[in-house]
């Protein structure tokens, strides 16, 4: 049986990953909001598209393509954020198993390190995809401004 001090120490060490989980949850929430808005905009454009022809229609089709790319990027970003959160949960679980089994076995501490590295890598790629999606959203706005000005 592990000593009370060992478990207390593991709980203290688990606080940082719990904060990371909170941050990931907030980020997933923001991504879901962006996804909902992109889907709503896509549905609205698809309903309006048959009524237009010419340059306006081609502008709408361009925006639909951008929205499809944005939606795909957001979905991948959400997937990576969820993967990151799952890896953090496993990290916390492995840390507690290590405390329960006894002293930190080399394999378990390596496992904790690998899980943390995996979680951070998944979160990094999630953020890169998010940045790309925001860039595409900004491009769509710029395209709409130019289209309205007739440039």
N, C-alpha and C. Protein backbone atom coordinates (compact mmCIF):
# COMPACT_ATOMS: atom_id res chain seq x y z
N UNK A 1 0.84 -1.19 0.00
CA UNK A 1 0.00 0.00 0.00
C UNK A 1 0.88 1.25 0.00
N UNK A 2 0.51 2.24 -0.81
CA UNK A 2 1.31 3.47 -0.84
C UNK A 2 1.10 4.30 0.42
N UNK A 3 2.13 5.03 0.74
CA UNK A 3 2.04 5.92 1.91
C UNK A 3 1.16 7.11 1.56
N UNK A 4 0.54 7.67 2.59
CA UNK A 4 -0.33 8.84 2.40
C UNK A 4 0.44 9.97 1.74
N UNK A 5 1.70 10.15 2.14
CA UNK A 5 2.53 11.22 1.57
C UNK A 5 2.75 11.02 0.08
N UNK A 6 2.89 9.76 -0.34
CA UNK A 6 3.08 9.48 -1.78
C UNK A 6 1.87 9.91 -2.58
N UNK A 7 0.69 9.57 -2.10
CA UNK A 7 -0.53 9.93 -2.82
C UNK A 7 -0.73 11.44 -2.80
N UNK A 8 -0.44 12.07 -1.68
CA UNK A 8 -0.54 13.53 -1.60
C UNK A 8 0.38 14.19 -2.61
N UNK A 9 1.58 13.64 -2.74
CA UNK A 9 2.55 14.18 -3.71
C UNK A 9 2.03 14.01 -5.14
N UNK A 10 1.45 12.86 -5.45
CA UNK A 10 0.92 12.62 -6.80
C UNK A 10 -0.23 13.58 -7.09
N UNK A 11 -1.07 13.80 -6.11
CA UNK A 11 -2.18 14.75 -6.29
C UNK A 11 -1.63 16.14 -6.59
N UNK A 12 -0.59 16.53 -5.87
CA UNK A 12 0.03 17.83 -6.12
C UNK A 12 0.60 17.89 -7.54
N UNK A 13 1.21 16.81 -7.99
CA UNK A 13 1.77 16.77 -9.35
C UNK A 13 0.68 16.75 -10.42
N UNK A 14 -0.49 16.23 -10.06
CA UNK A 14 -1.59 16.14 -11.02
C UNK A 14 -2.29 17.47 -11.23
N UNK A 15 -2.01 18.46 -10.40
CA UNK A 15 -2.68 19.76 -10.52
C UNK A 15 -2.36 20.43 -11.85
N UNK A 16 -1.11 20.43 -12.26
CA UNK A 16 -0.72 21.07 -13.53
C UNK A 16 -1.45 20.43 -14.72
N UNK A 17 -1.48 19.10 -14.83
CA UNK A 17 -2.25 18.51 -15.94
C UNK A 17 -3.74 18.83 -15.87
N UNK A 18 -4.27 18.99 -14.66
CA UNK A 18 -5.70 19.34 -14.54
C UNK A 18 -5.94 20.74 -15.10
N UNK A 19 -5.01 21.67 -14.85
CA UNK A 19 -5.13 22.99 -15.45
C UNK A 19 -5.03 22.91 -16.97
N UNK A 20 -4.17 22.04 -17.46
CA UNK A 20 -4.06 21.83 -18.90
C UNK A 20 -5.37 21.29 -19.46
N UNK A 21 -5.99 20.36 -18.75
CA UNK A 21 -7.31 19.83 -19.17
C UNK A 21 -8.35 20.94 -19.23
N UNK A 22 -8.33 21.82 -18.26
CA UNK A 22 -9.28 22.94 -18.24
C UNK A 22 -9.07 23.84 -19.45
N UNK A 23 -7.82 24.12 -19.76
CA UNK A 23 -7.52 24.96 -20.92
C UNK A 23 -7.96 24.27 -22.22
N UNK A 24 -7.71 22.98 -22.33
CA UNK A 24 -8.11 22.24 -23.53
C UNK A 24 -9.64 22.25 -23.66
N UNK A 25 -10.34 22.06 -22.55
CA UNK A 25 -11.81 22.08 -22.58
C UNK A 25 -12.32 23.44 -23.07
N UNK A 26 -11.73 24.51 -22.58
CA UNK A 26 -12.12 25.84 -23.04
C UNK A 26 -11.84 26.03 -24.52
N UNK A 27 -10.72 25.51 -24.97
CA UNK A 27 -10.37 25.62 -26.38
C UNK A 27 -11.33 24.81 -27.25
N UNK A 28 -11.68 23.61 -26.81
CA UNK A 28 -12.65 22.80 -27.55
C UNK A 28 -13.98 23.55 -27.65
N UNK A 29 -14.38 24.20 -26.58
CA UNK A 29 -15.61 24.98 -26.59
C UNK A 29 -15.54 26.09 -27.65
N UNK A 30 -14.41 26.78 -27.72
CA UNK A 30 -14.24 27.84 -28.73
C UNK A 30 -14.28 27.25 -30.14
N UNK A 31 -13.64 26.11 -30.32
CA UNK A 31 -13.66 25.46 -31.63
C UNK A 31 -15.07 25.04 -32.03
N UNK A 32 -15.84 24.53 -31.07
CA UNK A 32 -17.22 24.14 -31.37
C UNK A 32 -18.06 25.35 -31.77
N UNK A 33 -17.82 26.48 -31.16
CA UNK A 33 -18.52 27.70 -31.54
C UNK A 33 -18.18 28.11 -32.97
N UNK A 34 -16.90 28.03 -33.32
CA UNK A 34 -16.48 28.36 -34.69
C UNK A 34 -17.08 27.37 -35.69
N UNK A 35 -17.12 26.10 -35.31
CA UNK A 35 -17.69 25.08 -36.19
C UNK A 35 -19.17 25.36 -36.43
N UNK A 36 -19.90 25.67 -35.38
CA UNK A 36 -21.34 25.94 -35.52
C UNK A 36 -21.58 27.14 -36.43
N UNK A 37 -20.79 28.19 -36.27
CA UNK A 37 -20.96 29.38 -37.11
C UNK A 37 -20.61 29.08 -38.57
N UNK A 38 -19.58 28.31 -38.81
CA UNK A 38 -19.20 27.97 -40.18
C UNK A 38 -20.28 27.11 -40.83
N UNK A 39 -20.83 26.16 -40.09
CA UNK A 39 -21.89 25.31 -40.62
C UNK A 39 -23.14 26.13 -40.91
N UNK A 40 -23.51 27.02 -40.00
CA UNK A 40 -24.68 27.88 -40.23
C UNK A 40 -24.49 28.74 -41.48
N UNK A 41 -23.30 29.31 -41.65
CA UNK A 41 -23.03 30.14 -42.82
C UNK A 41 -23.09 29.30 -44.10
N UNK A 42 -22.56 28.10 -44.03
CA UNK A 42 -22.60 27.21 -45.20
C UNK A 42 -24.04 26.88 -45.59
N UNK A 43 -24.86 26.57 -44.61
CA UNK A 43 -26.27 26.26 -44.89
C UNK A 43 -26.99 27.46 -45.51
N UNK A 44 -26.72 28.64 -44.98
CA UNK A 44 -27.36 29.85 -45.50
C UNK A 44 -26.95 30.09 -46.95
N UNK A 45 -25.66 29.94 -47.24
CA UNK A 45 -25.18 30.14 -48.61
C UNK A 45 -25.76 29.10 -49.57
N UNK A 46 -25.84 27.86 -49.12
CA UNK A 46 -26.39 26.81 -49.98
C UNK A 46 -27.85 27.06 -50.32
N UNK A 47 -28.59 27.66 -49.38
CA UNK A 47 -29.99 28.00 -49.65
C UNK A 47 -30.11 29.16 -50.64
N UNK A 48 -29.21 30.13 -50.55
CA UNK A 48 -29.26 31.32 -51.41
C UNK A 48 -28.67 31.08 -52.79
N UNK A 49 -27.77 30.14 -52.92
CA UNK A 49 -27.01 29.95 -54.15
C UNK A 49 -27.86 29.81 -55.41
N UNK A 50 -28.94 29.03 -55.42
CA UNK A 50 -29.72 28.87 -56.66
C UNK A 50 -30.32 30.18 -57.19
N UNK A 51 -30.49 31.17 -56.35
CA UNK A 51 -31.12 32.42 -56.76
C UNK A 51 -30.15 33.37 -57.46
N UNK A 52 -28.86 33.05 -57.47
CA UNK A 52 -27.87 33.98 -58.02
C UNK A 52 -27.15 33.38 -59.22
N UNK A 53 -26.64 34.29 -60.06
CA UNK A 53 -25.87 33.89 -61.23
C UNK A 53 -24.67 34.82 -61.37
N UNK A 54 -23.79 34.46 -62.27
CA UNK A 54 -22.68 35.33 -62.61
C UNK A 54 -21.64 35.44 -61.52
N UNK A 55 -21.10 36.66 -61.37
CA UNK A 55 -20.00 36.90 -60.43
C UNK A 55 -20.42 36.69 -58.99
N UNK A 56 -21.64 37.07 -58.66
CA UNK A 56 -22.12 36.88 -57.29
C UNK A 56 -22.16 35.40 -56.94
N UNK A 57 -22.62 34.60 -57.88
CA UNK A 57 -22.68 33.15 -57.65
C UNK A 57 -21.27 32.58 -57.50
N UNK A 58 -20.34 33.02 -58.34
CA UNK A 58 -18.98 32.50 -58.23
C UNK A 58 -18.33 32.92 -56.90
N UNK A 59 -18.65 34.13 -56.42
CA UNK A 59 -18.16 34.55 -55.11
C UNK A 59 -18.74 33.66 -54.01
N UNK A 60 -20.01 33.32 -54.13
CA UNK A 60 -20.65 32.45 -53.14
C UNK A 60 -20.05 31.05 -53.19
N UNK A 61 -19.77 30.56 -54.40
CA UNK A 61 -19.16 29.23 -54.53
C UNK A 61 -17.75 29.22 -53.94
N UNK A 62 -17.02 30.32 -54.15
CA UNK A 62 -15.69 30.44 -53.56
C UNK A 62 -15.79 30.39 -52.03
N UNK A 63 -16.74 31.11 -51.47
CA UNK A 63 -16.91 31.10 -50.02
C UNK A 63 -17.32 29.73 -49.51
N UNK A 64 -18.16 29.01 -50.28
CA UNK A 64 -18.55 27.66 -49.89
C UNK A 64 -17.33 26.74 -49.83
N UNK A 65 -16.42 26.87 -50.79
CA UNK A 65 -15.20 26.06 -50.77
C UNK A 65 -14.34 26.39 -49.56
N UNK A 66 -14.22 27.69 -49.27
CA UNK A 66 -13.45 28.08 -48.08
C UNK A 66 -14.10 27.55 -46.81
N UNK A 67 -15.41 27.61 -46.74
CA UNK A 67 -16.11 27.10 -45.56
C UNK A 67 -15.90 25.60 -45.40
N UNK A 68 -15.90 24.87 -46.52
CA UNK A 68 -15.66 23.42 -46.44
C UNK A 68 -14.27 23.14 -45.89
N UNK A 69 -13.28 23.89 -46.34
CA UNK A 69 -11.91 23.73 -45.83
C UNK A 69 -11.84 24.10 -44.35
N UNK A 70 -12.50 25.20 -43.99
CA UNK A 70 -12.49 25.63 -42.59
C UNK A 70 -13.14 24.58 -41.69
N UNK A 71 -14.25 24.03 -42.12
CA UNK A 71 -14.95 23.02 -41.32
C UNK A 71 -14.05 21.80 -41.13
N UNK A 72 -13.39 21.38 -42.19
CA UNK A 72 -12.48 20.23 -42.11
C UNK A 72 -11.34 20.51 -41.12
N UNK A 73 -10.76 21.71 -41.20
CA UNK A 73 -9.68 22.07 -40.29
C UNK A 73 -10.15 22.11 -38.83
N UNK A 74 -11.34 22.65 -38.62
CA UNK A 74 -11.88 22.71 -37.26
C UNK A 74 -12.12 21.30 -36.71
N UNK A 75 -12.66 20.42 -37.54
CA UNK A 75 -12.91 19.05 -37.08
C UNK A 75 -11.60 18.34 -36.71
N UNK A 76 -10.57 18.52 -37.52
CA UNK A 76 -9.27 17.93 -37.20
C UNK A 76 -8.70 18.55 -35.93
N UNK A 77 -8.86 19.85 -35.78
CA UNK A 77 -8.38 20.54 -34.60
C UNK A 77 -9.08 20.03 -33.35
N UNK A 78 -10.39 19.85 -33.44
CA UNK A 78 -11.15 19.30 -32.31
C UNK A 78 -10.66 17.89 -31.98
N UNK A 79 -10.45 17.09 -33.01
CA UNK A 79 -9.96 15.73 -32.80
C UNK A 79 -8.61 15.70 -32.08
N UNK A 80 -7.71 16.59 -32.48
CA UNK A 80 -6.40 16.66 -31.83
C UNK A 80 -6.51 17.18 -30.40
N UNK A 81 -7.41 18.12 -30.17
CA UNK A 81 -7.62 18.63 -28.80
C UNK A 81 -8.17 17.53 -27.90
N UNK A 82 -9.10 16.74 -28.42
CA UNK A 82 -9.65 15.63 -27.65
C UNK A 82 -8.56 14.59 -27.38
N UNK A 83 -7.74 14.30 -28.39
CA UNK A 83 -6.63 13.36 -28.20
C UNK A 83 -5.70 13.87 -27.11
N UNK A 84 -5.38 15.15 -27.16
CA UNK A 84 -4.52 15.75 -26.14
C UNK A 84 -5.13 15.59 -24.75
N UNK A 85 -6.42 15.86 -24.62
CA UNK A 85 -7.10 15.72 -23.33
C UNK A 85 -7.08 14.27 -22.85
N UNK A 86 -7.30 13.33 -23.76
CA UNK A 86 -7.26 11.91 -23.38
C UNK A 86 -5.87 11.51 -22.91
N UNK A 87 -4.85 12.00 -23.57
CA UNK A 87 -3.48 11.69 -23.15
C UNK A 87 -3.18 12.28 -21.77
N UNK A 88 -3.70 13.46 -21.50
CA UNK A 88 -3.51 14.06 -20.17
C UNK A 88 -4.23 13.21 -19.12
N UNK A 89 -5.44 12.74 -19.43
CA UNK A 89 -6.16 11.88 -18.49
C UNK A 89 -5.39 10.59 -18.23
N UNK A 90 -4.85 10.00 -19.28
CA UNK A 90 -4.03 8.79 -19.10
C UNK A 90 -2.79 9.09 -18.27
N UNK A 91 -2.18 10.24 -18.51
CA UNK A 91 -1.01 10.67 -17.75
C UNK A 91 -1.33 10.71 -16.25
N UNK A 92 -2.44 11.31 -15.91
CA UNK A 92 -2.84 11.40 -14.50
C UNK A 92 -3.09 10.00 -13.94
N UNK A 93 -3.76 9.16 -14.73
CA UNK A 93 -4.02 7.78 -14.29
C UNK A 93 -2.74 6.99 -14.07
N UNK A 94 -1.79 7.11 -14.98
CA UNK A 94 -0.52 6.39 -14.85
C UNK A 94 0.25 6.90 -13.63
N UNK A 95 0.19 8.20 -13.39
CA UNK A 95 0.88 8.75 -12.21
C UNK A 95 0.29 8.17 -10.92
N UNK A 96 -1.03 8.02 -10.87
CA UNK A 96 -1.65 7.45 -9.67
C UNK A 96 -1.35 5.96 -9.55
N UNK A 97 -1.33 5.27 -10.67
CA UNK A 97 -0.97 3.85 -10.62
C UNK A 97 0.45 3.70 -10.11
N UNK A 98 1.34 4.58 -10.59
CA UNK A 98 2.72 4.54 -10.12
C UNK A 98 2.81 4.76 -8.62
N UNK A 99 2.00 5.67 -8.10
CA UNK A 99 2.01 5.92 -6.66
C UNK A 99 1.43 4.73 -5.89
N UNK A 100 0.44 4.09 -6.48
CA UNK A 100 -0.21 2.97 -5.81
C UNK A 100 0.70 1.74 -5.78
N UNK A 101 1.40 1.51 -6.91
CA UNK A 101 2.26 0.35 -7.01
C UNK A 101 3.49 0.50 -6.12
N UNK A 102 3.89 1.68 -5.89
CA UNK A 102 5.07 1.92 -5.06
C UNK A 102 5.83 3.10 -5.63
N UNK A 103 7.10 3.08 -5.43
CA UNK A 103 7.95 4.16 -5.94
C UNK A 103 7.81 4.23 -7.45
N UNK A 104 8.15 5.39 -7.99
CA UNK A 104 8.04 5.56 -9.44
C UNK A 104 8.98 4.57 -10.13
N UNK A 105 8.38 3.62 -10.74
CA UNK A 105 9.14 2.65 -11.53
C UNK A 105 9.60 3.39 -12.78
N UNK A 106 10.78 3.05 -13.27
CA UNK A 106 11.34 3.75 -14.43
C UNK A 106 10.38 3.69 -15.62
N UNK A 107 9.74 2.55 -15.81
CA UNK A 107 8.81 2.41 -16.95
C UNK A 107 7.63 3.35 -16.81
N UNK A 108 7.10 3.46 -15.61
CA UNK A 108 5.94 4.34 -15.41
C UNK A 108 6.33 5.80 -15.58
N UNK A 109 7.48 6.19 -15.07
CA UNK A 109 7.88 7.59 -15.22
C UNK A 109 8.17 7.91 -16.69
N UNK A 110 8.70 6.94 -17.42
CA UNK A 110 8.88 7.13 -18.87
C UNK A 110 7.53 7.22 -19.56
N UNK A 111 6.58 6.42 -19.11
CA UNK A 111 5.24 6.47 -19.67
C UNK A 111 4.58 7.82 -19.44
N UNK A 112 4.74 8.36 -18.23
CA UNK A 112 4.19 9.68 -17.92
C UNK A 112 4.82 10.72 -18.84
N UNK A 113 6.14 10.65 -19.00
CA UNK A 113 6.83 11.61 -19.87
C UNK A 113 6.35 11.49 -21.31
N UNK A 114 6.21 10.28 -21.80
CA UNK A 114 5.75 10.09 -23.19
C UNK A 114 4.32 10.57 -23.37
N UNK A 115 3.47 10.31 -22.38
CA UNK A 115 2.09 10.79 -22.47
C UNK A 115 2.04 12.32 -22.48
N UNK A 116 2.88 12.94 -21.66
CA UNK A 116 2.91 14.40 -21.63
C UNK A 116 3.40 14.96 -22.96
N UNK A 117 4.46 14.37 -23.49
CA UNK A 117 4.98 14.81 -24.79
C UNK A 117 3.92 14.63 -25.87
N UNK A 118 3.23 13.48 -25.87
CA UNK A 118 2.16 13.25 -26.83
C UNK A 118 1.04 14.25 -26.71
N UNK A 119 0.65 14.56 -25.48
CA UNK A 119 -0.43 15.53 -25.25
C UNK A 119 -0.03 16.91 -25.78
N UNK A 120 1.19 17.31 -25.51
CA UNK A 120 1.65 18.63 -25.96
C UNK A 120 1.79 18.66 -27.47
N UNK A 121 2.27 17.59 -28.08
CA UNK A 121 2.35 17.55 -29.55
C UNK A 121 0.97 17.63 -30.19
N UNK A 122 0.02 16.87 -29.65
CA UNK A 122 -1.35 16.92 -30.19
C UNK A 122 -1.93 18.31 -30.04
N UNK A 123 -1.69 18.94 -28.90
CA UNK A 123 -2.20 20.29 -28.68
C UNK A 123 -1.52 21.29 -29.61
N UNK A 124 -0.23 21.11 -29.85
CA UNK A 124 0.50 21.99 -30.78
C UNK A 124 -0.07 21.91 -32.19
N UNK A 125 -0.30 20.69 -32.67
CA UNK A 125 -0.87 20.55 -34.02
C UNK A 125 -2.30 21.06 -34.06
N UNK A 126 -3.04 20.88 -32.97
CA UNK A 126 -4.39 21.44 -32.87
C UNK A 126 -4.35 22.95 -33.04
N UNK A 127 -3.42 23.60 -32.36
CA UNK A 127 -3.30 25.06 -32.43
C UNK A 127 -2.85 25.51 -33.82
N UNK A 128 -1.98 24.74 -34.47
CA UNK A 128 -1.56 25.09 -35.84
C UNK A 128 -2.73 25.02 -36.81
N UNK A 129 -3.56 23.97 -36.67
CA UNK A 129 -4.74 23.86 -37.53
C UNK A 129 -5.73 24.99 -37.24
N UNK A 130 -5.87 25.35 -35.99
CA UNK A 130 -6.73 26.47 -35.62
C UNK A 130 -6.23 27.76 -36.26
N UNK A 131 -4.93 27.98 -36.21
CA UNK A 131 -4.36 29.18 -36.83
C UNK A 131 -4.64 29.20 -38.33
N UNK A 132 -4.52 28.06 -38.98
CA UNK A 132 -4.81 27.98 -40.42
C UNK A 132 -6.28 28.28 -40.69
N UNK A 133 -7.16 27.77 -39.85
CA UNK A 133 -8.60 28.02 -40.03
C UNK A 133 -8.91 29.51 -39.86
N UNK A 134 -8.31 30.15 -38.88
CA UNK A 134 -8.52 31.58 -38.68
C UNK A 134 -8.00 32.36 -39.88
N UNK A 135 -6.87 31.93 -40.44
CA UNK A 135 -6.31 32.58 -41.63
C UNK A 135 -7.28 32.46 -42.80
N UNK A 136 -7.87 31.29 -42.98
CA UNK A 136 -8.85 31.12 -44.06
C UNK A 136 -10.08 31.99 -43.84
N UNK A 137 -10.51 32.11 -42.59
CA UNK A 137 -11.66 32.97 -42.29
C UNK A 137 -11.34 34.42 -42.64
N UNK A 138 -10.14 34.86 -42.34
CA UNK A 138 -9.73 36.22 -42.67
C UNK A 138 -9.66 36.41 -44.19
N UNK A 139 -9.20 35.39 -44.91
CA UNK A 139 -9.17 35.47 -46.37
C UNK A 139 -10.57 35.60 -46.94
N UNK A 140 -11.52 34.90 -46.36
CA UNK A 140 -12.90 34.99 -46.84
C UNK A 140 -13.43 36.40 -46.64
N UNK A 141 -13.11 37.00 -45.52
CA UNK A 141 -13.56 38.38 -45.27
C UNK A 141 -12.93 39.32 -46.28
N UNK A 142 -11.64 39.18 -46.53
CA UNK A 142 -10.95 40.03 -47.50
C UNK A 142 -11.54 39.85 -48.90
N UNK A 143 -11.84 38.61 -49.26
CA UNK A 143 -12.43 38.33 -50.57
C UNK A 143 -13.79 39.00 -50.69
N UNK A 144 -14.60 38.94 -49.62
CA UNK A 144 -15.92 39.58 -49.64
C UNK A 144 -15.81 41.08 -49.75
N UNK A 145 -14.84 41.69 -49.08
CA UNK A 145 -14.64 43.13 -49.15
C UNK A 145 -14.26 43.53 -50.57
N UNK A 146 -13.33 42.80 -51.18
CA UNK A 146 -12.91 43.11 -52.55
C UNK A 146 -14.06 42.91 -53.53
N UNK A 147 -14.86 41.86 -53.30
CA UNK A 147 -15.99 41.60 -54.20
C UNK A 147 -17.02 42.70 -54.12
N UNK A 148 -17.26 43.24 -52.94
CA UNK A 148 -18.24 44.31 -52.79
C UNK A 148 -17.75 45.62 -53.38
N UNK A 149 -16.44 45.85 -53.33
CA UNK A 149 -15.88 47.08 -53.89
C UNK A 149 -15.75 47.01 -55.41
N UNK A 150 -15.80 45.78 -55.91
CA UNK A 150 -15.68 45.60 -57.35
C UNK A 150 -14.22 45.60 -57.82
N UNK A 151 -13.31 45.32 -56.89
CA UNK A 151 -11.88 45.31 -57.23
C UNK A 151 -11.46 44.00 -57.84
